[in-house]
């Protein structure tokens, strides 16, 4: 499964969450798949969600990493 598919699933499962964290090792691949570049604060906007790079080797999650 590709990172974009995982992100879409996470957004569908928690539609009310404003943010989504993607493992840092997959963030560049997601940016390429969405054909977007991170903004000034290092986030991208996709399907009305702020998507940021999370901890390495973590899950795609709507909960802020500790």
PDB file of N, CA and C in Angstrom:
ATOM      1  N   UNK A   1       0.847  -1.170   0.000  1.00  0.00           N
ATOM      2  CA  UNK A   1       0.000   0.000   0.000  1.00  0.00           C
ATOM      3  C   UNK A   1       0.898   1.240   0.000  1.00  0.00           C
ATOM      4  N   UNK A   2       0.547   2.206  -0.810  1.00  0.00           N
ATOM      5  CA  UNK A   2       1.329   3.424  -0.926  1.00  0.00           C
ATOM      6  C   UNK A   2       0.970   4.412   0.187  1.00  0.00           C
ATOM      7  N   UNK A   3       1.875   5.326   0.444  1.00  0.00           N
ATOM      8  CA  UNK A   3       1.688   6.282   1.537  1.00  0.00           C
ATOM      9  C   UNK A   3       0.444   7.148   1.324  1.00  0.00           C
ATOM     10  N   UNK A   4       0.148   7.491   0.093  1.00  0.00           N
ATOM     11  CA  UNK A   4      -1.054   8.302  -0.153  1.00  0.00           C
ATOM     12  C   UNK A   4      -2.319   7.537   0.240  1.00  0.00           C
ATOM     13  N   UNK A   5      -2.352   6.250  -0.037  1.00  0.00           N
ATOM     14  CA  UNK A   5      -3.506   5.430   0.348  1.00  0.00           C
ATOM     15  C   UNK A   5      -3.645   5.366   1.870  1.00  0.00           C
ATOM     16  N   UNK A   6      -2.520   5.232   2.563  1.00  0.00           N
ATOM     17  CA  UNK A   6      -2.551   5.198   4.025  1.00  0.00           C
ATOM     18  C   UNK A   6      -3.040   6.523   4.601  1.00  0.00           C
ATOM     19  N   UNK A   7      -2.611   7.612   4.001  1.00  0.00           N
ATOM     20  CA  UNK A   7      -3.051   8.939   4.440  1.00  0.00           C
ATOM     21  C   UNK A   7      -4.550   9.101   4.205  1.00  0.00           C
ATOM     22  N   UNK A   8      -5.031   8.670   3.055  1.00  0.00           N
ATOM     23  CA  UNK A   8      -6.465   8.758   2.769  1.00  0.00           C
ATOM     24  C   UNK A   8      -7.279   7.945   3.787  1.00  0.00           C
ATOM     25  N   UNK A   9      -6.821   6.760   4.130  1.00  0.00           N
ATOM     26  CA  UNK A   9      -7.505   5.929   5.124  1.00  0.00           C
ATOM     27  C   UNK A   9      -7.527   6.629   6.477  1.00  0.00           C
ATOM     28  N   UNK A  10      -6.388   7.174   6.894  1.00  0.00           N
ATOM     29  CA  UNK A  10      -6.311   7.856   8.192  1.00  0.00           C
ATOM     30  C   UNK A  10      -7.247   9.060   8.232  1.00  0.00           C
ATOM     31  N   UNK A  11      -7.334   9.807   7.149  1.00  0.00           N
ATOM     32  CA  UNK A  11      -8.230  10.968   7.101  1.00  0.00           C
ATOM     33  C   UNK A  11      -9.685  10.512   7.173  1.00  0.00           C
ATOM     34  N   UNK A  12     -10.017   9.455   6.450  1.00  0.00           N
ATOM     35  CA  UNK A  12     -11.392   8.945   6.470  1.00  0.00           C
ATOM     36  C   UNK A  12     -11.778   8.404   7.845  1.00  0.00           C
ATOM     37  N   UNK A  13     -10.839   7.787   8.542  1.00  0.00           N
ATOM     38  CA  UNK A  13     -11.137   7.207   9.849  1.00  0.00           C
ATOM     39  C   UNK A  13     -11.319   8.256  10.939  1.00  0.00           C
ATOM     40  N   UNK A  14     -10.641   9.384  10.817  1.00  0.00           N
ATOM     41  CA  UNK A  14     -10.752  10.440  11.831  1.00  0.00           C
ATOM     42  C   UNK A  14     -10.958  11.780  11.126  1.00  0.00           C
ATOM     43  N   UNK A  15     -12.143  11.945  10.589  1.00  0.00           N
ATOM     44  CA  UNK A  15     -12.443  13.120   9.755  1.00  0.00           C
ATOM     45  C   UNK A  15     -12.416  14.440  10.523  1.00  0.00           C
ATOM     46  N   UNK A  16     -12.588  14.411  11.829  1.00  0.00           N
ATOM     47  CA  UNK A  16     -12.625  15.650  12.613  1.00  0.00           C
ATOM     48  C   UNK A  16     -11.248  16.165  13.012  1.00  0.00           C
ATOM     49  N   UNK A  17     -10.261  15.352  12.920  1.00  0.00           N
ATOM     50  CA  UNK A  17      -8.919  15.756  13.322  1.00  0.00           C
ATOM     51  C   UNK A  17      -8.360  16.784  12.335  1.00  0.00           C
ATOM     52  N   UNK A  18      -7.788  17.884  12.845  1.00  0.00           N
ATOM     53  CA  UNK A  18      -7.256  18.909  11.941  1.00  0.00           C
ATOM     54  C   UNK A  18      -5.875  18.578  11.377  1.00  0.00           C
ATOM     55  N   UNK A  19      -5.135  17.677  12.040  1.00  0.00           N
ATOM     56  CA  UNK A  19      -3.756  17.390  11.632  1.00  0.00           C
ATOM     57  C   UNK A  19      -3.530  15.898  11.457  1.00  0.00           C
ATOM     58  N   UNK A  20      -2.492  15.604  10.686  1.00  0.00           N
ATOM     59  CA  UNK A  20      -2.092  14.227  10.451  1.00  0.00           C
ATOM     60  C   UNK A  20      -0.571  14.202  10.427  1.00  0.00           C
ATOM     61  N   UNK A  21       0.012  13.228  11.107  1.00  0.00           N
ATOM     62  CA  UNK A  21       1.456  13.071  11.111  1.00  0.00           C
ATOM     63  C   UNK A  21       1.822  11.828  10.325  1.00  0.00           C
ATOM     64  N   UNK A  22       2.790  11.984   9.443  1.00  0.00           N
ATOM     65  CA  UNK A  22       3.272  10.907   8.587  1.00  0.00           C
ATOM     66  C   UNK A  22       4.720  10.628   8.989  1.00  0.00           C
ATOM     67  N   UNK A  23       5.127   9.364   9.029  1.00  0.00           N
ATOM     68  CA  UNK A  23       6.524   9.078   9.368  1.00  0.00           C
ATOM     69  C   UNK A  23       7.476   9.885   8.478  1.00  0.00           C
ATOM     70  N   UNK A  24       8.503  10.427   9.086  1.00  0.00           N
ATOM     71  CA  UNK A  24       9.406  11.327   8.360  1.00  0.00           C
ATOM     72  C   UNK A  24      10.034  10.680   7.131  1.00  0.00           C
ATOM     73  N   UNK A  25      10.264   9.372   7.181  1.00  0.00           N
ATOM     74  CA  UNK A  25      10.886   8.709   6.028  1.00  0.00           C
ATOM     75  C   UNK A  25       9.928   8.589   4.842  1.00  0.00           C
ATOM     76  N   UNK A  26       8.635   8.840   5.051  1.00  0.00           N
ATOM     77  CA  UNK A  26       7.643   8.774   3.970  1.00  0.00           C
ATOM     78  C   UNK A  26       7.109  10.143   3.561  1.00  0.00           C
ATOM     79  N   UNK A  27       7.502  11.181   4.267  1.00  0.00           N
ATOM     80  CA  UNK A  27       6.955  12.510   4.005  1.00  0.00           C
ATOM     81  C   UNK A  27       7.310  13.010   2.605  1.00  0.00           C
ATOM     82  N   UNK A  28       8.545  12.828   2.174  1.00  0.00           N
ATOM     83  CA  UNK A  28       8.943  13.279   0.831  1.00  0.00           C
ATOM     84  C   UNK A  28       8.179  12.528  -0.256  1.00  0.00           C
ATOM     85  N   UNK A  29       7.972  11.227  -0.056  1.00  0.00           N
ATOM     86  CA  UNK A  29       7.215  10.434  -1.026  1.00  0.00           C
ATOM     87  C   UNK A  29       5.769  10.913  -1.105  1.00  0.00           C
ATOM     88  N   UNK A  30       5.198  11.283   0.040  1.00  0.00           N
ATOM     89  CA  UNK A  30       3.832  11.808   0.041  1.00  0.00           C
ATOM     90  C   UNK A  30       3.775  13.136  -0.706  1.00  0.00           C
ATOM     91  N   UNK A  31       4.734  14.006  -0.462  1.00  0.00           N
ATOM     92  CA  UNK A  31       4.775  15.294  -1.171  1.00  0.00           C
ATOM     93  C   UNK A  31       4.847  15.077  -2.679  1.00  0.00           C
ATOM     94  N   UNK A  32       5.658  14.122  -3.107  1.00  0.00           N
ATOM     95  CA  UNK A  32       5.774  13.827  -4.540  1.00  0.00           C
ATOM     96  C   UNK A  32       4.471  13.248  -5.084  1.00  0.00           C
ATOM     97  N   UNK A  33       3.839  12.354  -4.325  1.00  0.00           N
ATOM     98  CA  UNK A  33       2.588  11.739  -4.773  1.00  0.00           C
ATOM     99  C   UNK A  33       1.476  12.780  -4.901  1.00  0.00           C
ATOM    100  N   UNK A  34       1.477  13.764  -4.021  1.00  0.00           N
ATOM    101  CA  UNK A  34       0.463  14.812  -4.054  1.00  0.00           C
ATOM    102  C   UNK A  34       0.861  15.982  -4.944  1.00  0.00           C
ATOM    103  N   UNK A  35       2.101  15.953  -5.434  1.00  0.00           N
ATOM    104  CA  UNK A  35       2.662  17.028  -6.263  1.00  0.00           C
ATOM    105  C   UNK A  35       2.592  18.370  -5.541  1.00  0.00           C
ATOM    106  N   UNK A  36       3.015  18.356  -4.270  1.00  0.00           N
ATOM    107  CA  UNK A  36       3.023  19.567  -3.448  1.00  0.00           C
ATOM    108  C   UNK A  36       4.344  19.682  -2.722  1.00  0.00           C
ATOM    109  N   UNK A  37       4.636  20.908  -2.311  1.00  0.00           N
ATOM    110  CA  UNK A  37       5.834  21.176  -1.524  1.00  0.00           C
ATOM    111  C   UNK A  37       5.401  21.666  -0.147  1.00  0.00           C
ATOM    112  N   UNK A  38       6.181  21.350   0.885  1.00  0.00           N
ATOM    113  CA  UNK A  38       5.846  21.848   2.229  1.00  0.00           C
ATOM    114  C   UNK A  38       5.874  23.372   2.261  1.00  0.00           C
ATOM    115  N   UNK A  39       5.004  23.953   3.096  1.00  0.00           N
ATOM    116  CA  UNK A  39       4.972  25.403   3.241  1.00  0.00           C
ATOM    117  C   UNK A  39       6.093  25.857   4.182  1.00  0.00           C
ATOM    118  N   UNK A  40       6.045  27.089   4.610  1.00  0.00           N
ATOM    119  CA  UNK A  40       7.104  27.683   5.435  1.00  0.00           C
ATOM    120  C   UNK A  40       7.324  26.913   6.736  1.00  0.00           C
ATOM    121  N   UNK A  41       6.262  26.390   7.328  1.00  0.00           N
ATOM    122  CA  UNK A  41       6.393  25.662   8.596  1.00  0.00           C
ATOM    123  C   UNK A  41       6.626  24.162   8.387  1.00  0.00           C
ATOM    124  N   UNK A  42       6.770  23.731   7.139  1.00  0.00           N
ATOM    125  CA  UNK A  42       7.089  22.333   6.851  1.00  0.00           C
ATOM    126  C   UNK A  42       5.891  21.415   6.756  1.00  0.00           C
ATOM    127  N   UNK A  43       4.717  21.971   6.526  1.00  0.00           N
ATOM    128  CA  UNK A  43       3.501  21.167   6.426  1.00  0.00           C
ATOM    129  C   UNK A  43       2.901  21.301   5.031  1.00  0.00           C
ATOM    130  N   UNK A  44       2.078  20.322   4.668  1.00  0.00           N
ATOM    131  CA  UNK A  44       1.310  20.413   3.432  1.00  0.00           C
ATOM    132  C   UNK A  44      -0.169  20.324   3.800  1.00  0.00           C
ATOM    133  N   UNK A  45      -1.004  20.878   2.961  1.00  0.00           N
ATOM    134  CA  UNK A  45      -2.446  20.830   3.168  1.00  0.00           C
ATOM    135  C   UNK A  45      -3.007  19.876   2.122  1.00  0.00           C
ATOM    136  N   UNK A  46      -3.770  18.903   2.595  1.00  0.00           N
ATOM    137  CA  UNK A  46      -4.373  17.905   1.714  1.00  0.00           C
ATOM    138  C   UNK A  46      -5.718  17.515   2.306  1.00  0.00           C
ATOM    139  N   UNK A  47      -6.758  17.607   1.511  1.00  0.00           N
ATOM    140  CA  UNK A  47      -8.123  17.283   1.944  1.00  0.00           C
ATOM    141  C   UNK A  47      -8.494  18.015   3.241  1.00  0.00           C
ATOM    142  N   UNK A  48      -8.153  19.281   3.296  1.00  0.00           N
ATOM    143  CA  UNK A  48      -8.448  20.172   4.427  1.00  0.00           C
ATOM    144  C   UNK A  48      -7.752  19.738   5.716  1.00  0.00           C
ATOM    145  N   UNK A  49      -6.653  19.024   5.605  1.00  0.00           N
ATOM    146  CA  UNK A  49      -5.868  18.601   6.766  1.00  0.00           C
ATOM    147  C   UNK A  49      -4.456  19.154   6.646  1.00  0.00           C
ATOM    148  N   UNK A  50      -3.884  19.506   7.785  1.00  0.00           N
ATOM    149  CA  UNK A  50      -2.477  19.881   7.847  1.00  0.00           C
ATOM    150  C   UNK A  50      -1.696  18.595   8.057  1.00  0.00           C
ATOM    151  N   UNK A  51      -0.783  18.311   7.159  1.00  0.00           N
ATOM    152  CA  UNK A  51      -0.003  17.080   7.249  1.00  0.00           C
ATOM    153  C   UNK A  51       1.446  17.446   7.504  1.00  0.00           C
ATOM    154  N   UNK A  52       2.001  16.843   8.543  1.00  0.00           N
ATOM    155  CA  UNK A  52       3.376  17.129   8.956  1.00  0.00           C
ATOM    156  C   UNK A  52       4.185  15.841   9.033  1.00  0.00           C
ATOM    157  N   UNK A  53       5.488  16.005   9.004  1.00  0.00           N
ATOM    158  CA  UNK A  53       6.384  14.854   9.189  1.00  0.00           C
ATOM    159  C   UNK A  53       6.436  14.522  10.672  1.00  0.00           C
ATOM    160  N   UNK A  54       6.236  13.255  10.992  1.00  0.00           N
ATOM    161  CA  UNK A  54       6.288  12.799  12.377  1.00  0.00           C
ATOM    162  C   UNK A  54       7.618  12.142  12.684  1.00  0.00           C
ATOM    163  N   UNK A  55       7.621  11.354  13.726  1.00  0.00           N
ATOM    164  CA  UNK A  55       8.833  10.632  14.133  1.00  0.00           C
ATOM    165  C   UNK A  55       9.169   9.559  13.101  1.00  0.00           C
ATOM    166  N   UNK A  56      10.447   9.247  12.934  1.00  0.00           N
ATOM    167  CA  UNK A  56      10.825   8.163  12.022  1.00  0.00           C
ATOM    168  C   UNK A  56      10.253   6.836  12.513  1.00  0.00           C
ATOM    169  N   UNK A  57       9.895   5.985  11.575  1.00  0.00           N
ATOM    170  CA  UNK A  57       9.409   4.626  11.847  1.00  0.00           C
ATOM    171  C   UNK A  57       8.165   4.607  12.729  1.00  0.00           C
ATOM    172  N   UNK A  58       7.347   5.650  12.644  1.00  0.00           N
ATOM    173  CA  UNK A  58       6.105   5.709  13.409  1.00  0.00           C
ATOM    174  C   UNK A  58       4.939   5.356  12.486  1.00  0.00           C
ATOM    175  N   UNK A  59       3.738   5.398  13.031  1.00  0.00           N
ATOM    176  CA  UNK A  59       2.533   5.139  12.245  1.00  0.00           C
ATOM    177  C   UNK A  59       2.006   6.446  11.654  1.00  0.00           C
ATOM    178  N   UNK A  60       1.166   6.321  10.631  1.00  0.00           N
ATOM    179  CA  UNK A  60       0.405   7.461  10.146  1.00  0.00           C
ATOM    180  C   UNK A  60      -0.678   7.674  11.193  1.00  0.00           C
ATOM    181  N   UNK A  61      -0.711   8.843  11.797  1.00  0.00           N
ATOM    182  CA  UNK A  61      -1.625   9.051  12.922  1.00  0.00           C
ATOM    183  C   UNK A  61      -2.199  10.453  12.948  1.00  0.00           C
ATOM    184  N   UNK A  62      -3.360  10.573  13.579  1.00  0.00           N
ATOM    185  CA  UNK A  62      -3.965  11.886  13.789  1.00  0.00           C
ATOM    186  C   UNK A  62      -3.655  12.399  15.200  1.00  0.00           C
ATOM    187  N   UNK A  63      -2.918  11.629  15.954  1.00  0.00           N
ATOM    188  CA  UNK A  63      -2.528  12.054  17.313  1.00  0.00           C
ATOM    189  C   UNK A  63      -1.105  12.585  17.283  1.00  0.00           C
ATOM    190  N   UNK A  64      -0.923  13.709  17.930  1.00  0.00           N
ATOM    191  CA  UNK A  64       0.391  14.346  17.953  1.00  0.00           C
ATOM    192  C   UNK A  64       1.422  13.437  18.614  1.00  0.00           C
ATOM    193  N   UNK A  65       2.571  13.245  17.959  1.00  0.00           N
ATOM    194  CA  UNK A  65       3.623  12.408  18.562  1.00  0.00           C
ATOM    195  C   UNK A  65       4.155  13.048  19.848  1.00  0.00           C
ATOM    196  N   UNK A  66       4.530  12.230  20.801  1.00  0.00           N
ATOM    197  CA  UNK A  66       5.086  12.731  22.071  1.00  0.00           C
ATOM    198  C   UNK A  66       6.485  13.227  21.909  1.00  0.00           C
TER     199      UNK A  66
END
